[in-house]
Amino acid sequence: MAKFVISTFIEKGDIEIKLNDKVIPLDNGKIEEKIEDNQYYVFSWLVKGEVGSSFRISISSPRYAEFQLHKIIGKSGEDVNSFQFNT
């Protein structure tokens, strides 16, 4: 079993994080969840915020799922995306 560690920041707005379509609640912009070995995961996010404000999503563990994203919210006022990884 591995530890899944995420940290987030948003200037003006909200971030929703999902793992395999299950919403994971943020605790002061941080998440620590245990994930099973030998599994397939889909990590996704929905960001809604003020146009021109910035947000950041970072996965620091496990190593094979490390991820860094820092963006400015565009004209639509939201950002939605995902990526997949195996444990």
PDB file of N, CA and C in Angstrom:
ATOM      1  N   MET A   1       0.845  -1.176   0.000  1.00  0.00           N
ATOM      2  CA  MET A   1       0.000   0.000   0.000  1.00  0.00           C
ATOM      3  C   MET A   1       0.895   1.247   0.000  1.00  0.00           C
ATOM      4  N   ALA A   2       0.491   2.249  -0.753  1.00  0.00           N
ATOM      5  CA  ALA A   2       1.267   3.486  -0.859  1.00  0.00           C
ATOM      6  C   ALA A   2       0.462   4.658  -0.308  1.00  0.00           C
ATOM      7  N   LYS A   3       1.170   5.723   0.041  1.00  0.00           N
ATOM      8  CA  LYS A   3       0.515   6.938   0.502  1.00  0.00           C
ATOM      9  C   LYS A   3       0.416   7.908  -0.673  1.00  0.00           C
ATOM     10  N   PHE A   4      -0.780   8.422  -0.921  1.00  0.00           N
ATOM     11  CA  PHE A   4      -1.063   9.370  -1.990  1.00  0.00           C
ATOM     12  C   PHE A   4      -1.150  10.750  -1.337  1.00  0.00           C
ATOM     13  N   VAL A   5      -0.204  11.650  -1.671  1.00  0.00           N
ATOM     14  CA  VAL A   5      -0.108  12.949  -1.017  1.00  0.00           C
ATOM     15  C   VAL A   5      -0.281  14.063  -2.043  1.00  0.00           C
ATOM     16  N   ILE A   6      -1.288  14.900  -1.822  1.00  0.00           N
ATOM     17  CA  ILE A   6      -1.612  16.004  -2.729  1.00  0.00           C
ATOM     18  C   ILE A   6      -1.658  17.295  -1.933  1.00  0.00           C
ATOM     19  N   SER A   7      -1.157  18.373  -2.541  1.00  0.00           N
ATOM     20  CA  SER A   7      -1.363  19.700  -1.966  1.00  0.00           C
ATOM     21  C   SER A   7      -1.900  20.612  -3.062  1.00  0.00           C
ATOM     22  N   THR A   8      -2.766  21.540  -2.661  1.00  0.00           N
ATOM     23  CA  THR A   8      -3.387  22.449  -3.623  1.00  0.00           C
ATOM     24  C   THR A   8      -3.363  23.874  -3.090  1.00  0.00           C
ATOM     25  N   PHE A   9      -3.488  24.798  -4.016  1.00  0.00           N
ATOM     26  CA  PHE A   9      -3.629  26.220  -3.677  1.00  0.00           C
ATOM     27  C   PHE A   9      -4.469  26.856  -4.776  1.00  0.00           C
ATOM     28  N   ILE A  10      -5.380  27.723  -4.387  1.00  0.00           N
ATOM     29  CA  ILE A  10      -6.103  28.524  -5.367  1.00  0.00           C
ATOM     30  C   ILE A  10      -6.244  29.933  -4.809  1.00  0.00           C
ATOM     31  N   GLU A  11      -5.953  30.890  -5.683  1.00  0.00           N
ATOM     32  CA  GLU A  11      -5.991  32.298  -5.281  1.00  0.00           C
ATOM     33  C   GLU A  11      -7.420  32.735  -4.960  1.00  0.00           C
ATOM     34  N   LYS A  12      -8.340  32.521  -5.916  1.00  0.00           N
ATOM     35  CA  LYS A  12      -9.738  32.919  -5.733  1.00  0.00           C
ATOM     36  C   LYS A  12     -10.628  31.891  -6.415  1.00  0.00           C
ATOM     37  N   GLY A  13     -11.150  30.953  -5.638  1.00  0.00           N
ATOM     38  CA  GLY A  13     -12.019  29.930  -6.210  1.00  0.00           C
ATOM     39  C   GLY A  13     -11.988  28.652  -5.403  1.00  0.00           C
ATOM     40  N   ASP A  14     -12.406  27.560  -6.053  1.00  0.00           N
ATOM     41  CA  ASP A  14     -12.500  26.249  -5.402  1.00  0.00           C
ATOM     42  C   ASP A  14     -11.885  25.175  -6.288  1.00  0.00           C
ATOM     43  N   ILE A  15     -11.305  24.162  -5.640  1.00  0.00           N
ATOM     44  CA  ILE A  15     -10.740  23.010  -6.330  1.00  0.00           C
ATOM     45  C   ILE A  15     -11.447  21.757  -5.814  1.00  0.00           C
ATOM     46  N   GLU A  16     -11.906  20.916  -6.747  1.00  0.00           N
ATOM     47  CA  GLU A  16     -12.459  19.615  -6.396  1.00  0.00           C
ATOM     48  C   GLU A  16     -11.527  18.546  -6.950  1.00  0.00           C
ATOM     49  N   ILE A  17     -11.110  17.621  -6.096  1.00  0.00           N
ATOM     50  CA  ILE A  17     -10.198  16.547  -6.469  1.00  0.00           C
ATOM     51  C   ILE A  17     -10.962  15.229  -6.418  1.00  0.00           C
ATOM     52  N   LYS A  18     -10.743  14.382  -7.436  1.00  0.00           N
ATOM     53  CA  LYS A  18     -11.346  13.051  -7.461  1.00  0.00           C
ATOM     54  C   LYS A  18     -10.274  12.011  -7.753  1.00  0.00           C
ATOM     55  N   LEU A  19     -10.456  10.842  -7.150  1.00  0.00           N
ATOM     56  CA  LEU A  19      -9.630   9.683  -7.450  1.00  0.00           C
ATOM     57  C   LEU A  19     -10.599   8.565  -7.793  1.00  0.00           C
ATOM     58  N   ASN A  20     -10.522   8.092  -9.045  1.00  0.00           N
ATOM     59  CA  ASN A  20     -11.473   7.089  -9.557  1.00  0.00           C
ATOM     60  C   ASN A  20     -12.921   7.527  -9.334  1.00  0.00           C
ATOM     61  N   ASP A  21     -13.210   8.764  -9.694  1.00  0.00           N
ATOM     62  CA  ASP A  21     -14.551   9.361  -9.618  1.00  0.00           C
ATOM     63  C   ASP A  21     -15.090   9.543  -8.204  1.00  0.00           C
ATOM     64  N   LYS A  22     -14.249   9.363  -7.193  1.00  0.00           N
ATOM     65  CA  LYS A  22     -14.662   9.595  -5.805  1.00  0.00           C
ATOM     66  C   LYS A  22     -14.053  10.923  -5.353  1.00  0.00           C
ATOM     67  N   VAL A  23     -14.919  11.856  -4.927  1.00  0.00           N
ATOM     68  CA  VAL A  23     -14.435  13.146  -4.437  1.00  0.00           C
ATOM     69  C   VAL A  23     -13.643  12.922  -3.153  1.00  0.00           C
ATOM     70  N   ILE A  24     -12.453  13.517  -3.097  1.00  0.00           N
ATOM     71  CA  ILE A  24     -11.612  13.432  -1.912  1.00  0.00           C
ATOM     72  C   ILE A  24     -11.609  14.809  -1.255  1.00  0.00           C
ATOM     73  N   PRO A  25     -12.113  14.910  -0.027  1.00  0.00           N
ATOM     74  CA  PRO A  25     -12.162  16.221   0.630  1.00  0.00           C
ATOM     75  C   PRO A  25     -10.764  16.760   0.937  1.00  0.00           C
ATOM     76  N   LEU A  26     -10.603  18.047   0.704  1.00  0.00           N
ATOM     77  CA  LEU A  26      -9.349  18.728   1.016  1.00  0.00           C
ATOM     78  C   LEU A  26      -9.355  19.164   2.476  1.00  0.00           C
ATOM     79  N   ASP A  27      -8.220  19.042   3.122  1.00  0.00           N
ATOM     80  CA  ASP A  27      -8.047  19.514   4.491  1.00  0.00           C
ATOM     81  C   ASP A  27      -6.985  20.608   4.461  1.00  0.00           C
ATOM     82  N   ASN A  28      -7.437  21.866   4.446  1.00  0.00           N
ATOM     83  CA  ASN A  28      -6.522  23.007   4.315  1.00  0.00           C
ATOM     84  C   ASN A  28      -5.617  22.875   3.090  1.00  0.00           C
ATOM     85  N   GLY A  29      -6.209  22.405   1.980  1.00  0.00           N
ATOM     86  CA  GLY A  29      -5.464  22.290   0.731  1.00  0.00           C
ATOM     87  C   GLY A  29      -4.605  21.053   0.630  1.00  0.00           C
ATOM     88  N   LYS A  30      -4.760  20.101   1.555  1.00  0.00           N
ATOM     89  CA  LYS A  30      -3.938  18.891   1.536  1.00  0.00           C
ATOM     90  C   LYS A  30      -4.801  17.638   1.601  1.00  0.00           C
ATOM     91  N   ILE A  31      -4.253  16.571   1.005  1.00  0.00           N
ATOM     92  CA  ILE A  31      -4.901  15.262   1.030  1.00  0.00           C
ATOM     93  C   ILE A  31      -3.816  14.215   1.261  1.00  0.00           C
ATOM     94  N   GLU A  32      -4.095  13.275   2.131  1.00  0.00           N
ATOM     95  CA  GLU A  32      -3.255  12.089   2.296  1.00  0.00           C
ATOM     96  C   GLU A  32      -4.194  10.893   2.332  1.00  0.00           C
ATOM     97  N   GLU A  33      -4.066  10.033   1.332  1.00  0.00           N
ATOM     98  CA  GLU A  33      -4.908   8.839   1.218  1.00  0.00           C
ATOM     99  C   GLU A  33      -4.013   7.632   1.000  1.00  0.00           C
ATOM    100  N   LYS A  34      -4.454   6.476   1.459  1.00  0.00           N
ATOM    101  CA  LYS A  34      -3.744   5.240   1.151  1.00  0.00           C
ATOM    102  C   LYS A  34      -4.327   4.678  -0.134  1.00  0.00           C
ATOM    103  N   ILE A  35      -3.455   4.216  -1.017  1.00  0.00           N
ATOM    104  CA  ILE A  35      -3.899   3.604  -2.268  1.00  0.00           C
ATOM    105  C   ILE A  35      -3.309   2.202  -2.367  1.00  0.00           C
ATOM    106  N   GLU A  36      -4.056   1.325  -2.994  1.00  0.00           N
ATOM    107  CA  GLU A  36      -3.675  -0.079  -3.105  1.00  0.00           C
ATOM    108  C   GLU A  36      -2.591  -0.294  -4.164  1.00  0.00           C
ATOM    109  N   ASP A  37      -1.779  -1.318  -3.960  1.00  0.00           N
ATOM    110  CA  ASP A  37      -0.777  -1.723  -4.951  1.00  0.00           C
ATOM    111  C   ASP A  37      -1.453  -2.449  -6.109  1.00  0.00           C
ATOM    112  N   ASN A  38      -0.793  -2.440  -7.253  1.00  0.00           N
ATOM    113  CA  ASN A  38      -1.247  -3.157  -8.454  1.00  0.00           C
ATOM    114  C   ASN A  38      -2.653  -2.750  -8.889  1.00  0.00           C
ATOM    115  N   GLN A  39      -2.911  -1.447  -8.860  1.00  0.00           N
ATOM    116  CA  GLN A  39      -4.212  -0.913  -9.253  1.00  0.00           C
ATOM    117  C   GLN A  39      -4.045   0.199 -10.298  1.00  0.00           C
ATOM    118  N   TYR A  40      -5.125   0.464 -11.006  1.00  0.00           N
ATOM    119  CA  TYR A  40      -5.202   1.531 -12.005  1.00  0.00           C
ATOM    120  C   TYR A  40      -6.022   2.662 -11.391  1.00  0.00           C
ATOM    121  N   TYR A  41      -5.498   3.896 -11.472  1.00  0.00           N
ATOM    122  CA  TYR A  41      -6.175   5.050 -10.890  1.00  0.00           C
ATOM    123  C   TYR A  41      -6.327   6.169 -11.909  1.00  0.00           C
ATOM    124  N   VAL A  42      -7.436   6.904 -11.788  1.00  0.00           N
ATOM    125  CA  VAL A  42      -7.652   8.123 -12.559  1.00  0.00           C
ATOM    126  C   VAL A  42      -7.762   9.266 -11.557  1.00  0.00           C
ATOM    127  N   PHE A  43      -6.845  10.225 -11.669  1.00  0.00           N
ATOM    128  CA  PHE A  43      -6.826  11.412 -10.830  1.00  0.00           C
ATOM    129  C   PHE A  43      -7.411  12.550 -11.653  1.00  0.00           C
ATOM    130  N   SER A  44      -8.404  13.255 -11.128  1.00  0.00           N
ATOM    131  CA  SER A  44      -9.010  14.350 -11.890  1.00  0.00           C
ATOM    132  C   SER A  44      -9.275  15.541 -10.983  1.00  0.00           C
ATOM    133  N   TRP A  45      -9.421  16.695 -11.631  1.00  0.00           N
ATOM    134  CA  TRP A  45      -9.700  17.914 -10.885  1.00  0.00           C
ATOM    135  C   TRP A  45     -10.669  18.800 -11.644  1.00  0.00           C
ATOM    136  N   LEU A  46     -11.391  19.587 -10.878  1.00  0.00           N
ATOM    137  CA  LEU A  46     -12.273  20.624 -11.394  1.00  0.00           C
ATOM    138  C   LEU A  46     -11.960  21.881 -10.598  1.00  0.00           C
ATOM    139  N   VAL A  47     -11.529  22.898 -11.303  1.00  0.00           N
ATOM    140  CA  VAL A  47     -11.208  24.179 -10.682  1.00  0.00           C
ATOM    141  C   VAL A  47     -12.205  25.203 -11.185  1.00  0.00           C
ATOM    142  N   LYS A  48     -12.829  25.931 -10.269  1.00  0.00           N
ATOM    143  CA  LYS A  48     -13.725  27.033 -10.626  1.00  0.00           C
ATOM    144  C   LYS A  48     -13.237  28.243  -9.859  1.00  0.00           C
ATOM    145  N   GLY A  49     -12.983  29.325 -10.606  1.00  0.00           N
ATOM    146  CA  GLY A  49     -12.472  30.500  -9.929  1.00  0.00           C
ATOM    147  C   GLY A  49     -12.551  31.745 -10.769  1.00  0.00           C
ATOM    148  N   GLU A  50     -12.035  32.809 -10.208  1.00  0.00           N
ATOM    149  CA  GLU A  50     -12.027  34.105 -10.870  1.00  0.00           C
ATOM    150  C   GLU A  50     -11.027  34.097 -12.032  1.00  0.00           C
ATOM    151  N   VAL A  51     -11.483  34.580 -13.175  1.00  0.00           N
ATOM    152  CA  VAL A  51     -10.616  34.672 -14.349  1.00  0.00           C
ATOM    153  C   VAL A  51      -9.354  35.461 -13.997  1.00  0.00           C
ATOM    154  N   GLY A  52      -8.198  34.902 -14.362  1.00  0.00           N
ATOM    155  CA  GLY A  52      -6.919  35.557 -14.110  1.00  0.00           C
ATOM    156  C   GLY A  52      -6.265  35.171 -12.798  1.00  0.00           C
ATOM    157  N   SER A  53      -6.992  34.460 -11.918  1.00  0.00           N
ATOM    158  CA  SER A  53      -6.364  34.016 -10.673  1.00  0.00           C
ATOM    159  C   SER A  53      -5.620  32.706 -10.911  1.00  0.00           C
ATOM    160  N   SER A  54      -4.695  32.402 -10.038  1.00  0.00           N
ATOM    161  CA  SER A  54      -3.854  31.218 -10.238  1.00  0.00           C
ATOM    162  C   SER A  54      -4.258  30.082  -9.304  1.00  0.00           C
ATOM    163  N   PHE A  55      -3.872  28.875  -9.731  1.00  0.00           N
ATOM    164  CA  PHE A  55      -4.050  27.706  -8.875  1.00  0.00           C
ATOM    165  C   PHE A  55      -2.884  26.759  -9.086  1.00  0.00           C
ATOM    166  N   ARG A  56      -2.713  25.866  -8.099  1.00  0.00           N
ATOM    167  CA  ARG A  56      -1.613  24.903  -8.149  1.00  0.00           C
ATOM    168  C   ARG A  56      -2.100  23.576  -7.581  1.00  0.00           C
ATOM    169  N   ILE A  57      -1.711  22.484  -8.249  1.00  0.00           N
ATOM    170  CA  ILE A  57      -1.972  21.132  -7.766  1.00  0.00           C
ATOM    171  C   ILE A  57      -0.652  20.383  -7.824  1.00  0.00           C
ATOM    172  N   SER A  58      -0.297  19.729  -6.725  1.00  0.00           N
ATOM    173  CA  SER A  58       0.970  19.011  -6.648  1.00  0.00           C
ATOM    174  C   SER A  58       0.755  17.649  -6.003  1.00  0.00           C
ATOM    175  N   ILE A  59       1.240  16.597  -6.653  1.00  0.00           N
ATOM    176  CA  ILE A  59       1.255  15.258  -6.065  1.00  0.00           C
ATOM    177  C   ILE A  59       2.714  14.939  -5.766  1.00  0.00           C
ATOM    178  N   SER A  60       3.024  14.720  -4.499  1.00  0.00           N
ATOM    179  CA  SER A  60       4.409  14.467  -4.100  1.00  0.00           C
ATOM    180  C   SER A  60       4.693  13.006  -3.780  1.00  0.00           C
ATOM    181  N   SER A  61       3.651  12.202  -3.646  1.00  0.00           N
ATOM    182  CA  SER A  61       3.837  10.792  -3.350  1.00  0.00           C
ATOM    183  C   SER A  61       2.604  10.037  -3.812  1.00  0.00           C
ATOM    184  N   PRO A  62       2.772   8.834  -4.326  1.00  0.00           N
ATOM    185  CA  PRO A  62       3.992   8.076  -4.525  1.00  0.00           C
ATOM    186  C   PRO A  62       4.802   8.625  -5.694  1.00  0.00           C
ATOM    187  N   ARG A  63       6.037   8.248  -5.740  1.00  0.00           N
ATOM    188  CA  ARG A  63       6.971   8.787  -6.730  1.00  0.00           C
ATOM    189  C   ARG A  63       6.492   8.590  -8.172  1.00  0.00           C
ATOM    190  N   TYR A  64       5.923   7.432  -8.472  1.00  0.00           N
ATOM    191  CA  TYR A  64       5.495   7.144  -9.850  1.00  0.00           C
ATOM    192  C   TYR A  64       4.271   7.954 -10.269  1.00  0.00           C
ATOM    193  N   ALA A  65       3.645   8.675  -9.345  1.00  0.00           N
ATOM    194  CA  ALA A  65       2.494   9.517  -9.683  1.00  0.00           C
ATOM    195  C   ALA A  65       2.802  10.996  -9.481  1.00  0.00           C
ATOM    196  N   GLU A  66       4.077  11.354  -9.286  1.00  0.00           N
ATOM    197  CA  GLU A  66       4.430  12.759  -9.041  1.00  0.00           C
ATOM    198  C   GLU A  66       3.910  13.644 -10.173  1.00  0.00           C
ATOM    199  N   PHE A  67       3.413  14.822  -9.773  1.00  0.00           N
ATOM    200  CA  PHE A  67       2.755  15.709 -10.732  1.00  0.00           C
ATOM    201  C   PHE A  67       2.792  17.123 -10.187  1.00  0.00           C
ATOM    202  N   GLN A  68       3.028  18.094 -11.067  1.00  0.00           N
ATOM    203  CA  GLN A  68       3.016  19.518 -10.702  1.00  0.00           C
ATOM    204  C   GLN A  68       2.236  20.279 -11.765  1.00  0.00           C
ATOM    205  N   LEU A  69       1.298  21.091 -11.339  1.00  0.00           N
ATOM    206  CA  LEU A  69       0.535  21.934 -12.258  1.00  0.00           C
ATOM    207  C   LEU A  69       0.365  23.299 -11.621  1.00  0.00           C
ATOM    208  N   HIS A  70       0.709  24.334 -12.370  1.00  0.00           N
ATOM    209  CA  HIS A  70       0.500  25.715 -11.912  1.00  0.00           C
ATOM    210  C   HIS A  70      -0.053  26.467 -13.117  1.00  0.00           C
ATOM    211  N   LYS A  71      -1.282  26.969 -12.997  1.00  0.00           N
ATOM    212  CA  LYS A  71      -1.954  27.616 -14.125  1.00  0.00           C
ATOM    213  C   LYS A  71      -2.696  28.865 -13.678  1.00  0.00           C
ATOM    214  N   ILE A  72      -3.034  29.653 -14.671  1.00  0.00           N
ATOM    215  CA  ILE A  72      -3.900  30.818 -14.508  1.00  0.00           C
ATOM    216  C   ILE A  72      -5.271  30.436 -15.071  1.00  0.00           C
ATOM    217  N   ILE A  73      -6.330  30.754 -14.353  1.00  0.00           N
ATOM    218  CA  ILE A  73      -7.680  30.428 -14.812  1.00  0.00           C
ATOM    219  C   ILE A  73      -8.045  31.318 -15.993  1.00  0.00           C
ATOM    220  N   GLY A  74      -8.477  30.667 -17.068  1.00  0.00           N
ATOM    221  CA  GLY A  74      -8.800  31.365 -18.310  1.00  0.00           C
ATOM    222  C   GLY A  74     -10.215  31.924 -18.348  1.00  0.00           C
ATOM    223  N   LYS A  75     -10.620  32.341 -19.539  1.00  0.00           N
ATOM    224  CA  LYS A  75     -11.905  33.019 -19.747  1.00  0.00           C
ATOM    225  C   LYS A  75     -13.118  32.216 -19.295  1.00  0.00           C
ATOM    226  N   SER A  76     -13.039  30.892 -19.356  1.00  0.00           N
ATOM    227  CA  SER A  76     -14.189  30.063 -18.973  1.00  0.00           C
ATOM    228  C   SER A  76     -14.423  30.074 -17.463  1.00  0.00           C
ATOM    229  N   GLY A  77     -13.406  30.457 -16.694  1.00  0.00           N
ATOM    230  CA  GLY A  77     -13.535  30.466 -15.247  1.00  0.00           C
ATOM    231  C   GLY A  77     -13.354  29.103 -14.610  1.00  0.00           C
ATOM    232  N   GLU A  78     -12.935  28.111 -15.424  1.00  0.00           N
ATOM    233  CA  GLU A  78     -12.711  26.785 -14.860  1.00  0.00           C
ATOM    234  C   GLU A  78     -11.636  26.012 -15.620  1.00  0.00           C
ATOM    235  N   ASP A  79     -11.143  24.980 -14.968  1.00  0.00           N
ATOM    236  CA  ASP A  79     -10.157  24.088 -15.567  1.00  0.00           C
ATOM    237  C   ASP A  79     -10.516  22.672 -15.124  1.00  0.00           C
ATOM    238  N   VAL A  80     -10.640  21.778 -16.086  1.00  0.00           N
ATOM    239  CA  VAL A  80     -11.000  20.386 -15.815  1.00  0.00           C
ATOM    240  C   VAL A  80     -10.020  19.511 -16.570  1.00  0.00           C
ATOM    241  N   ASN A  81      -9.460  18.504 -15.875  1.00  0.00           N
ATOM    242  CA  ASN A  81      -8.549  17.592 -16.559  1.00  0.00           C
ATOM    243  C   ASN A  81      -8.323  16.380 -15.678  1.00  0.00           C
ATOM    244  N   SER A  82      -7.543  15.432 -16.205  1.00  0.00           N
ATOM    245  CA  SER A  82      -7.243  14.215 -15.447  1.00  0.00           C
ATOM    246  C   SER A  82      -5.990  13.566 -16.009  1.00  0.00           C
ATOM    247  N   PHE A  83      -5.459  12.623 -15.247  1.00  0.00           N
ATOM    248  CA  PHE A  83      -4.415  11.741 -15.755  1.00  0.00           C
ATOM    249  C   PHE A  83      -4.533  10.407 -15.031  1.00  0.00           C
ATOM    250  N   GLN A  84      -3.881   9.398 -15.612  1.00  0.00           N
ATOM    251  CA  GLN A  84      -3.986   8.044 -15.085  1.00  0.00           C
ATOM    252  C   GLN A  84      -2.625   7.552 -14.648  1.00  0.00           C
ATOM    253  N   PHE A  85      -2.640   6.652 -13.671  1.00  0.00           N
ATOM    254  CA  PHE A  85      -1.393   6.011 -13.253  1.00  0.00           C
ATOM    255  C   PHE A  85      -1.705   4.632 -12.669  1.00  0.00           C
ATOM    256  N   ASN A  86      -0.690   3.781 -12.671  1.00  0.00           N
ATOM    257  CA  ASN A  86      -0.785   2.439 -12.092  1.00  0.00           C
ATOM    258  C   ASN A  86       0.134   2.361 -10.888  1.00  0.00           C
ATOM    259  N   THR A  87      -0.284   1.587  -9.906  1.00  0.00           N
ATOM    260  CA  THR A  87       0.553   1.399  -8.720  1.00  0.00           C
ATOM    261  C   THR A  87       1.314   0.099  -8.814  1.00  0.00           C
TER     262      THR A  87
END
